[in-house]
């Protein structure tokens, strides 16, 4: 399979992740608006711990250990990365929305950092795929 096919599949995976994140944005926004602002500090701590855990899992994975020529292994690899990246974007989304409520003056900064973090994770995923699809 050519590198272009892997790139196309990876782009589709990332588009699906962003679509799902967009669908969940109003759901998270509505749910978080009902929580007491004082209780959200503890919630932010839990979200941060989950984000560290999923980031560790995402970066521990590598396509190098997958046989991308095997459809089954490739789909398992894409599935694992899909779940890790989806969890990452959803956790970042919840974190940004929580910060918007608790620390509104920091919203823009946290949003910018979160976007950069997710773009970096996406670029890492493409880089890992490129170096292992040759």
C-alpha atoms as a PDB file:
ATOM      1  CA  UNK A   1       0.000   0.000   0.000  1.00  0.00           C
ATOM      2  CA  UNK A   2       1.304   3.447  -0.840  1.00  0.00           C
ATOM      3  CA  UNK A   3       2.072   6.208   1.628  1.00  0.00           C
ATOM      4  CA  UNK A   4      -0.715   8.264   0.011  1.00  0.00           C
ATOM      5  CA  UNK A   5      -3.270   5.635   1.066  1.00  0.00           C
ATOM      6  CA  UNK A   6      -2.033   5.781   4.661  1.00  0.00           C
ATOM      7  CA  UNK A   7      -2.190   9.569   4.603  1.00  0.00           C
ATOM      8  CA  UNK A   8      -5.744   9.507   3.235  1.00  0.00           C
ATOM      9  CA  UNK A   9      -6.847   7.009   5.896  1.00  0.00           C
ATOM     10  CA  UNK A  10      -5.186   9.042   8.631  1.00  0.00           C
ATOM     11  CA  UNK A  11      -6.806  12.267   7.427  1.00  0.00           C
ATOM     12  CA  UNK A  12     -10.211  10.557   7.485  1.00  0.00           C
ATOM     13  CA  UNK A  13      -9.510   9.328  11.031  1.00  0.00           C
ATOM     14  CA  UNK A  14      -8.610  12.846  12.172  1.00  0.00           C
ATOM     15  CA  UNK A  15     -11.634  14.420  10.481  1.00  0.00           C
ATOM     16  CA  UNK A  16     -13.917  11.911  12.227  1.00  0.00           C
ATOM     17  CA  UNK A  17     -12.320  12.773  15.568  1.00  0.00           C
ATOM     18  CA  UNK A  18     -12.905  16.505  15.017  1.00  0.00           C
ATOM     19  CA  UNK A  19     -16.516  15.911  13.912  1.00  0.00           C
ATOM     20  CA  UNK A  20     -17.218  13.872  17.046  1.00  0.00           C
ATOM     21  CA  UNK A  21     -15.585  16.576  19.181  1.00  0.00           C
ATOM     22  CA  UNK A  22     -17.777  19.221  17.531  1.00  0.00           C
ATOM     23  CA  UNK A  23     -20.887  17.127  18.206  1.00  0.00           C
ATOM     24  CA  UNK A  24     -19.991  16.778  21.894  1.00  0.00           C
ATOM     25  CA  UNK A  25     -19.118  20.469  22.425  1.00  0.00           C
ATOM     26  CA  UNK A  26     -22.697  21.629  23.160  1.00  0.00           C
ATOM     27  CA  UNK A  27     -23.355  18.517  25.263  1.00  0.00           C
ATOM     28  CA  UNK A  28     -20.314  19.201  27.450  1.00  0.00           C
ATOM     29  CA  UNK A  29     -21.070  22.918  27.573  1.00  0.00           C
ATOM     30  CA  UNK A  30     -24.616  22.318  28.819  1.00  0.00           C
ATOM     31  CA  UNK A  31     -23.548  19.681  31.347  1.00  0.00           C
ATOM     32  CA  UNK A  32     -20.755  21.816  32.784  1.00  0.00           C
ATOM     33  CA  UNK A  33     -22.947  24.903  33.120  1.00  0.00           C
ATOM     34  CA  UNK A  34     -24.968  23.137  35.823  1.00  0.00           C
ATOM     35  CA  UNK A  35     -21.971  22.321  38.044  1.00  0.00           C
ATOM     36  CA  UNK A  36     -21.074  24.555  40.969  1.00  0.00           C
ATOM     37  CA  UNK A  37     -17.952  26.624  40.130  1.00  0.00           C
ATOM     38  CA  UNK A  38     -16.283  25.697  43.457  1.00  0.00           C
ATOM     39  CA  UNK A  39     -16.569  21.992  42.670  1.00  0.00           C
ATOM     40  CA  UNK A  40     -14.965  22.454  39.260  1.00  0.00           C
ATOM     41  CA  UNK A  41     -11.444  22.797  40.660  1.00  0.00           C
ATOM     42  CA  UNK A  42     -11.540  19.148  41.720  1.00  0.00           C
ATOM     43  CA  UNK A  43     -13.055  18.265  38.373  1.00  0.00           C
ATOM     44  CA  UNK A  44     -10.159  20.015  36.603  1.00  0.00           C
ATOM     45  CA  UNK A  45      -7.722  17.904  38.589  1.00  0.00           C
ATOM     46  CA  UNK A  46      -9.441  14.685  37.521  1.00  0.00           C
ATOM     47  CA  UNK A  47      -9.534  15.822  33.878  1.00  0.00           C
ATOM     48  CA  UNK A  48      -5.815  16.655  34.067  1.00  0.00           C
ATOM     49  CA  UNK A  49      -4.967  13.198  35.423  1.00  0.00           C
ATOM     50  CA  UNK A  50      -7.010  11.515  32.697  1.00  0.00           C
ATOM     51  CA  UNK A  51      -5.329  13.699  30.072  1.00  0.00           C
ATOM     52  CA  UNK A  52      -1.871  12.692  31.304  1.00  0.00           C
ATOM     53  CA  UNK A  53      -2.880   9.023  31.234  1.00  0.00           C
ATOM     54  CA  UNK A  54      -4.271   9.116  27.697  1.00  0.00           C
ATOM     55  CA  UNK A  55      -1.292  11.161  26.501  1.00  0.00           C
ATOM     56  CA  UNK A  56       1.066   8.537  27.895  1.00  0.00           C
ATOM     57  CA  UNK A  57      -0.891   5.776  26.147  1.00  0.00           C
ATOM     58  CA  UNK A  58      -0.943   7.707  22.875  1.00  0.00           C
ATOM     59  CA  UNK A  59       2.791   8.409  22.860  1.00  0.00           C
ATOM     60  CA  UNK A  60       3.638   4.854  23.989  1.00  0.00           C
ATOM     61  CA  UNK A  61       1.911   3.524  20.874  1.00  0.00           C
ATOM     62  CA  UNK A  62       3.891   3.386  17.645  1.00  0.00           C
ATOM     63  CA  UNK A  63       2.995   2.153  14.186  1.00  0.00           C
ATOM     64  CA  UNK A  64       6.479   0.610  14.148  1.00  0.00           C
ATOM     65  CA  UNK A  65       5.167  -2.383  16.093  1.00  0.00           C
ATOM     66  CA  UNK A  66       2.261  -2.874  13.666  1.00  0.00           C
ATOM     67  CA  UNK A  67       2.269  -4.697  10.385  1.00  0.00           C
ATOM     68  CA  UNK A  68       0.537  -2.036   8.286  1.00  0.00           C
ATOM     69  CA  UNK A  69       0.355  -4.475   5.373  1.00  0.00           C
ATOM     70  CA  UNK A  70      -2.114  -6.576   7.371  1.00  0.00           C
ATOM     71  CA  UNK A  71      -5.609  -5.066   7.207  1.00  0.00           C
ATOM     72  CA  UNK A  72      -6.440  -6.447  10.653  1.00  0.00           C
ATOM     73  CA  UNK A  73      -3.336  -5.003  12.354  1.00  0.00           C
ATOM     74  CA  UNK A  74      -3.714  -1.699  10.534  1.00  0.00           C
ATOM     75  CA  UNK A  75      -7.345  -1.351  11.662  1.00  0.00           C
ATOM     76  CA  UNK A  76      -6.395  -2.256  15.242  1.00  0.00           C
ATOM     77  CA  UNK A  77      -3.624   0.355  15.128  1.00  0.00           C
ATOM     78  CA  UNK A  78      -5.911   3.003  13.685  1.00  0.00           C
ATOM     79  CA  UNK A  79      -8.594   2.054  16.231  1.00  0.00           C
ATOM     80  CA  UNK A  80      -6.245   2.402  19.187  1.00  0.00           C
ATOM     81  CA  UNK A  81      -4.920   5.751  18.005  1.00  0.00           C
ATOM     82  CA  UNK A  82      -8.473   6.893  17.185  1.00  0.00           C
ATOM     83  CA  UNK A  83      -9.565   6.191  20.767  1.00  0.00           C
ATOM     84  CA  UNK A  84      -6.476   7.845  22.285  1.00  0.00           C
ATOM     85  CA  UNK A  85      -6.815  10.949  20.118  1.00  0.00           C
ATOM     86  CA  UNK A  86     -10.586  11.159  20.578  1.00  0.00           C
ATOM     87  CA  UNK A  87     -10.190  10.949  24.351  1.00  0.00           C
ATOM     88  CA  UNK A  88      -7.472  13.602  24.174  1.00  0.00           C
ATOM     89  CA  UNK A  89      -9.588  16.070  22.217  1.00  0.00           C
ATOM     90  CA  UNK A  90     -12.670  15.432  24.368  1.00  0.00           C
ATOM     91  CA  UNK A  91     -10.711  15.863  27.603  1.00  0.00           C
ATOM     92  CA  UNK A  92      -9.126  19.048  26.264  1.00  0.00           C
ATOM     93  CA  UNK A  93     -12.574  20.286  25.260  1.00  0.00           C
ATOM     94  CA  UNK A  94     -13.965  19.647  28.749  1.00  0.00           C
ATOM     95  CA  UNK A  95     -10.917  21.260  30.333  1.00  0.00           C
ATOM     96  CA  UNK A  96     -11.236  24.390  28.177  1.00  0.00           C
ATOM     97  CA  UNK A  97     -14.957  24.687  28.916  1.00  0.00           C
ATOM     98  CA  UNK A  98     -14.320  24.244  32.638  1.00  0.00           C
ATOM     99  CA  UNK A  99     -11.602  26.899  32.634  1.00  0.00           C
ATOM    100  CA  UNK A 100     -13.991  29.212  30.772  1.00  0.00           C
ATOM    101  CA  UNK A 101     -16.407  28.925  33.706  1.00  0.00           C
ATOM    102  CA  UNK A 102     -13.957  28.930  36.621  1.00  0.00           C
ATOM    103  CA  UNK A 103     -11.190  31.204  35.270  1.00  0.00           C
ATOM    104  CA  UNK A 104     -12.728  33.205  32.400  1.00  0.00           C
ATOM    105  CA  UNK A 105      -9.693  35.461  32.053  1.00  0.00           C
ATOM    106  CA  UNK A 106      -7.538  32.400  31.248  1.00  0.00           C
ATOM    107  CA  UNK A 107      -9.921  30.964  28.661  1.00  0.00           C
ATOM    108  CA  UNK A 108      -8.080  32.291  25.596  1.00  0.00           C
ATOM    109  CA  UNK A 109      -4.703  31.109  26.850  1.00  0.00           C
ATOM    110  CA  UNK A 110      -5.934  27.609  27.715  1.00  0.00           C
ATOM    111  CA  UNK A 111      -7.799  27.363  24.418  1.00  0.00           C
ATOM    112  CA  UNK A 112      -4.654  28.311  22.509  1.00  0.00           C
ATOM    113  CA  UNK A 113      -2.490  25.858  24.456  1.00  0.00           C
ATOM    114  CA  UNK A 114      -5.057  23.090  23.952  1.00  0.00           C
ATOM    115  CA  UNK A 115      -5.265  23.676  20.205  1.00  0.00           C
ATOM    116  CA  UNK A 116      -1.469  23.652  19.930  1.00  0.00           C
ATOM    117  CA  UNK A 117      -1.263  20.483  22.026  1.00  0.00           C
ATOM    118  CA  UNK A 118      -3.788  18.680  19.859  1.00  0.00           C
ATOM    119  CA  UNK A 119      -2.151  19.855  16.616  1.00  0.00           C
ATOM    120  CA  UNK A 120       1.171  18.576  17.969  1.00  0.00           C
ATOM    121  CA  UNK A 121      -0.375  15.197  18.765  1.00  0.00           C
ATOM    122  CA  UNK A 122      -1.873  15.028  15.263  1.00  0.00           C
ATOM    123  CA  UNK A 123       1.488  15.897  13.681  1.00  0.00           C
ATOM    124  CA  UNK A 124       3.203  13.280  15.842  1.00  0.00           C
ATOM    125  CA  UNK A 125       0.685  10.692  14.656  1.00  0.00           C
ATOM    126  CA  UNK A 126       1.356  11.561  11.003  1.00  0.00           C
ATOM    127  CA  UNK A 127       5.123  11.534  11.578  1.00  0.00           C
ATOM    128  CA  UNK A 128       4.965   8.120  13.262  1.00  0.00           C
ATOM    129  CA  UNK A 129       2.846   6.775  10.412  1.00  0.00           C
ATOM    130  CA  UNK A 130       5.178   8.223   7.734  1.00  0.00           C
ATOM    131  CA  UNK A 131       8.332   6.804   9.244  1.00  0.00           C
ATOM    132  CA  UNK A 132       6.784   3.351   9.566  1.00  0.00           C
ATOM    133  CA  UNK A 133       4.902   3.105   6.264  1.00  0.00           C
ATOM    134  CA  UNK A 134       7.973   2.978   4.050  1.00  0.00           C
END
